[in-house]
């Protein structure tokens, strides 16, 4: 397993992961909004869009790349969803708003190809009501990635109001 862990600045309630050649090519309004059941994460070949509860500020973010399915953490997180992902390259970057900063991530374990992503969210409801302390980490996220044939998106757990709104009501 390879891991990346950091406190990351977000703007407009999202993070993006992409390879250097795919970043900025996806029309997210067409790909993401209104698509279910995942609601909190969307993928396009080479790019991943992750929703956060925090609109502007700092979130805790962990990415783990595994050789196989590590299993979900259903006890430690409020919302857990999965989606397929097609990687064009094995090198990805976590990109903050409008490319203002990016972070190199561990290489994908099987190189370019088909992967599964499981997005875990904790504290989204509190983050939406967290006030103006932009440095305080209120919401935390875990993204697991492993090689896998493409399979439909799945919702494994939804207990937060924000997760429910984004998955079932938007």
Protein backbone atom coordinates (compact mmCIF):
# COMPACT_ATOMS: atom_id res chain seq x y z
CA UNK A 1 0.00 0.00 0.00
CA UNK A 2 1.16 3.54 -0.79
CA UNK A 3 -0.30 6.52 1.05
CA UNK A 4 -0.57 10.29 0.72
CA UNK A 5 -1.90 12.24 3.73
CA UNK A 6 -2.22 16.02 4.08
CA UNK A 7 -4.36 18.95 5.13
CA UNK A 8 -5.52 20.44 1.82
CA UNK A 9 -7.06 23.81 1.01
CA UNK A 10 -10.39 23.67 -0.81
CA UNK A 11 -12.45 26.28 -2.62
CA UNK A 12 -16.02 25.83 -3.83
CA UNK A 13 -16.29 22.50 -2.00
CA UNK A 14 -14.23 20.24 -4.20
CA UNK A 15 -10.86 18.68 -4.90
CA UNK A 16 -9.60 17.29 -8.17
CA UNK A 17 -7.16 14.54 -9.05
CA UNK A 18 -5.78 14.18 -12.58
CA UNK A 19 -2.79 13.27 -14.64
CA UNK A 20 -0.84 16.14 -16.18
CA UNK A 21 -2.37 15.72 -19.64
CA UNK A 22 -6.01 15.16 -18.65
CA UNK A 23 -6.44 17.96 -16.11
CA UNK A 24 -8.95 20.60 -17.15
CA UNK A 25 -10.38 18.71 -20.13
CA UNK A 26 -13.59 17.41 -18.57
CA UNK A 27 -16.87 19.32 -18.69
CA UNK A 28 -17.84 18.44 -15.13
CA UNK A 29 -21.34 19.90 -15.46
CA UNK A 30 -22.10 17.22 -18.06
CA UNK A 31 -20.20 14.39 -16.40
CA UNK A 32 -21.05 14.85 -12.74
CA UNK A 33 -24.11 16.85 -11.85
CA UNK A 34 -27.29 14.83 -11.82
CA UNK A 35 -25.46 11.49 -12.04
CA UNK A 36 -26.21 8.98 -9.34
CA UNK A 37 -25.78 6.95 -7.19
CA UNK A 38 -22.27 8.15 -6.26
CA UNK A 39 -23.07 11.89 -5.86
CA UNK A 40 -19.88 12.70 -3.94
CA UNK A 41 -17.31 11.61 -6.54
CA UNK A 42 -17.22 11.54 -10.31
CA UNK A 43 -14.65 10.32 -12.77
CA UNK A 44 -13.77 10.95 -16.36
CA UNK A 45 -10.82 9.20 -18.03
CA UNK A 46 -7.72 10.63 -16.36
CA UNK A 47 -9.64 12.92 -13.93
CA UNK A 48 -11.46 12.60 -10.61
CA UNK A 49 -13.78 15.18 -8.99
CA UNK A 50 -14.28 14.93 -5.20
CA UNK A 51 -16.95 16.87 -3.31
CA UNK A 52 -16.19 18.19 0.19
CA UNK A 53 -18.49 19.54 2.90
CA UNK A 54 -16.22 22.52 3.43
CA UNK A 55 -16.80 25.24 0.86
CA UNK A 56 -13.59 27.15 1.58
CA UNK A 57 -10.91 26.15 4.06
CA UNK A 58 -8.85 23.14 5.03
CA UNK A 59 -9.83 19.47 4.92
CA UNK A 60 -8.06 16.32 5.99
CA UNK A 61 -7.35 14.11 2.98
CA UNK A 62 -5.82 10.64 2.75
CA UNK A 63 -5.29 8.64 -0.42
CA UNK A 64 -4.33 4.96 -0.31
CA UNK A 65 -3.31 2.98 -3.36
CA UNK A 66 -3.62 -0.77 -2.90
CA UNK A 67 -2.95 -3.86 -5.02
CA UNK A 68 -6.44 -5.20 -4.26
CA UNK A 69 -9.69 -4.21 -2.59
CA UNK A 70 -8.79 -3.11 0.98
CA UNK A 71 -12.42 -3.17 2.12
CA UNK A 72 -14.45 -0.14 3.18
CA UNK A 73 -14.18 1.61 6.55
CA UNK A 74 -17.90 1.69 7.33
CA UNK A 75 -17.39 2.31 11.04
CA UNK A 76 -15.04 5.29 10.75
CA UNK A 77 -16.87 7.29 8.08
CA UNK A 78 -20.41 8.60 7.60
CA UNK A 79 -20.66 8.32 3.81
CA UNK A 80 -18.95 5.79 1.53
CA UNK A 81 -19.37 5.54 -2.25
CA UNK A 82 -17.46 3.81 -5.07
CA UNK A 83 -16.92 4.48 -8.75
CA UNK A 84 -14.87 3.05 -11.61
CA UNK A 85 -11.90 5.01 -12.96
CA UNK A 86 -9.88 4.71 -16.16
CA UNK A 87 -6.29 5.90 -15.69
CA UNK A 88 -4.32 7.02 -18.75
CA UNK A 89 -1.11 7.35 -16.72
CA UNK A 90 0.18 5.94 -13.45
CA UNK A 91 1.19 9.39 -12.16
CA UNK A 92 -1.63 11.50 -10.71
CA UNK A 93 -1.69 14.83 -8.90
CA UNK A 94 -4.07 16.25 -6.30
CA UNK A 95 -4.97 19.66 -7.71
CA UNK A 96 -6.28 22.52 -5.62
CA UNK A 97 -8.67 25.15 -6.98
CA UNK A 98 -7.87 26.31 -10.53
CA UNK A 99 -4.47 24.63 -10.39
CA UNK A 100 -3.11 27.10 -7.83
CA UNK A 101 -1.23 24.24 -6.17
CA UNK A 102 -0.83 20.54 -6.81
CA UNK A 103 0.61 17.58 -4.94
CA UNK A 104 2.27 14.51 -6.46
CA UNK A 105 0.52 11.31 -5.41
CA UNK A 106 1.94 7.78 -5.16
CA UNK A 107 2.02 5.93 -8.49
CA UNK A 108 -0.91 3.72 -9.36
CA UNK A 109 0.03 0.15 -8.48
CA UNK A 110 -0.76 -1.46 -11.87
CA UNK A 111 0.10 1.46 -14.18
CA UNK A 112 -2.47 2.83 -16.63
CA UNK A 113 -5.75 0.93 -16.78
CA UNK A 114 -8.98 0.20 -14.97
CA UNK A 115 -9.33 1.00 -11.24
CA UNK A 116 -11.97 1.21 -8.53
CA UNK A 117 -12.19 4.22 -6.21
CA UNK A 118 -13.91 4.19 -2.84
CA UNK A 119 -14.50 7.64 -1.34
CA UNK A 120 -15.08 7.91 2.43
CA UNK A 121 -16.41 11.15 3.97
CA UNK A 122 -16.59 12.22 7.62
CA UNK A 123 -17.77 15.55 9.07
CA UNK A 124 -19.51 17.00 6.00
CA UNK A 125 -22.49 18.29 8.00
CA UNK A 126 -20.26 20.00 10.57
CA UNK A 127 -18.04 21.46 7.84
CA UNK A 128 -20.98 23.24 6.26
CA UNK A 129 -21.62 25.01 9.57
CA UNK A 130 -18.01 25.50 10.67
CA UNK A 131 -17.78 29.29 10.48
CA UNK A 132 -14.82 31.31 9.35
CA UNK A 133 -11.85 29.43 10.83
CA UNK A 134 -10.41 28.35 7.47
CA UNK A 135 -7.47 26.50 9.04
CA UNK A 136 -9.54 24.26 11.31
CA UNK A 137 -9.98 20.76 9.89
CA UNK A 138 -13.60 19.74 10.39
CA UNK A 139 -14.20 17.26 7.58
CA UNK A 140 -11.95 14.38 6.55
CA UNK A 141 -11.79 12.19 3.48
CA UNK A 142 -10.23 8.87 2.52
CA UNK A 143 -9.90 7.78 -1.11
CA UNK A 144 -8.94 4.16 -1.73
CA UNK A 145 -7.77 3.13 -5.21
CA UNK A 146 -7.04 -0.38 -6.48
CA UNK A 147 -6.91 -2.15 -9.88
CA UNK A 148 -10.32 -3.52 -10.82
CA UNK A 149 -12.45 -4.17 -13.89
CA UNK A 150 -15.06 -1.47 -14.49
CA UNK A 151 -18.24 -1.92 -12.44
CA UNK A 152 -21.22 0.39 -11.85
CA UNK A 153 -21.02 3.08 -9.13
CA UNK A 154 -22.25 2.00 -5.71
CA UNK A 155 -23.42 3.71 -2.55
CA UNK A 156 -22.23 1.71 0.47
CA UNK A 157 -23.27 4.03 3.31
CA UNK A 158 -24.98 7.40 3.69
CA UNK A 159 -25.70 8.87 7.12
CA UNK A 160 -24.88 12.59 6.82
CA UNK A 161 -27.48 15.13 5.71
CA UNK A 162 -25.04 16.55 3.16
CA UNK A 163 -24.25 13.12 1.74
CA UNK A 164 -27.94 12.31 1.50
CA UNK A 165 -28.66 15.63 -0.22
CA UNK A 166 -25.90 15.19 -2.79
CA UNK A 167 -26.59 11.52 -3.50
CA UNK A 168 -30.38 11.35 -3.44
CA UNK A 169 -31.77 14.88 -3.77
CA UNK A 170 -29.55 16.79 -6.21
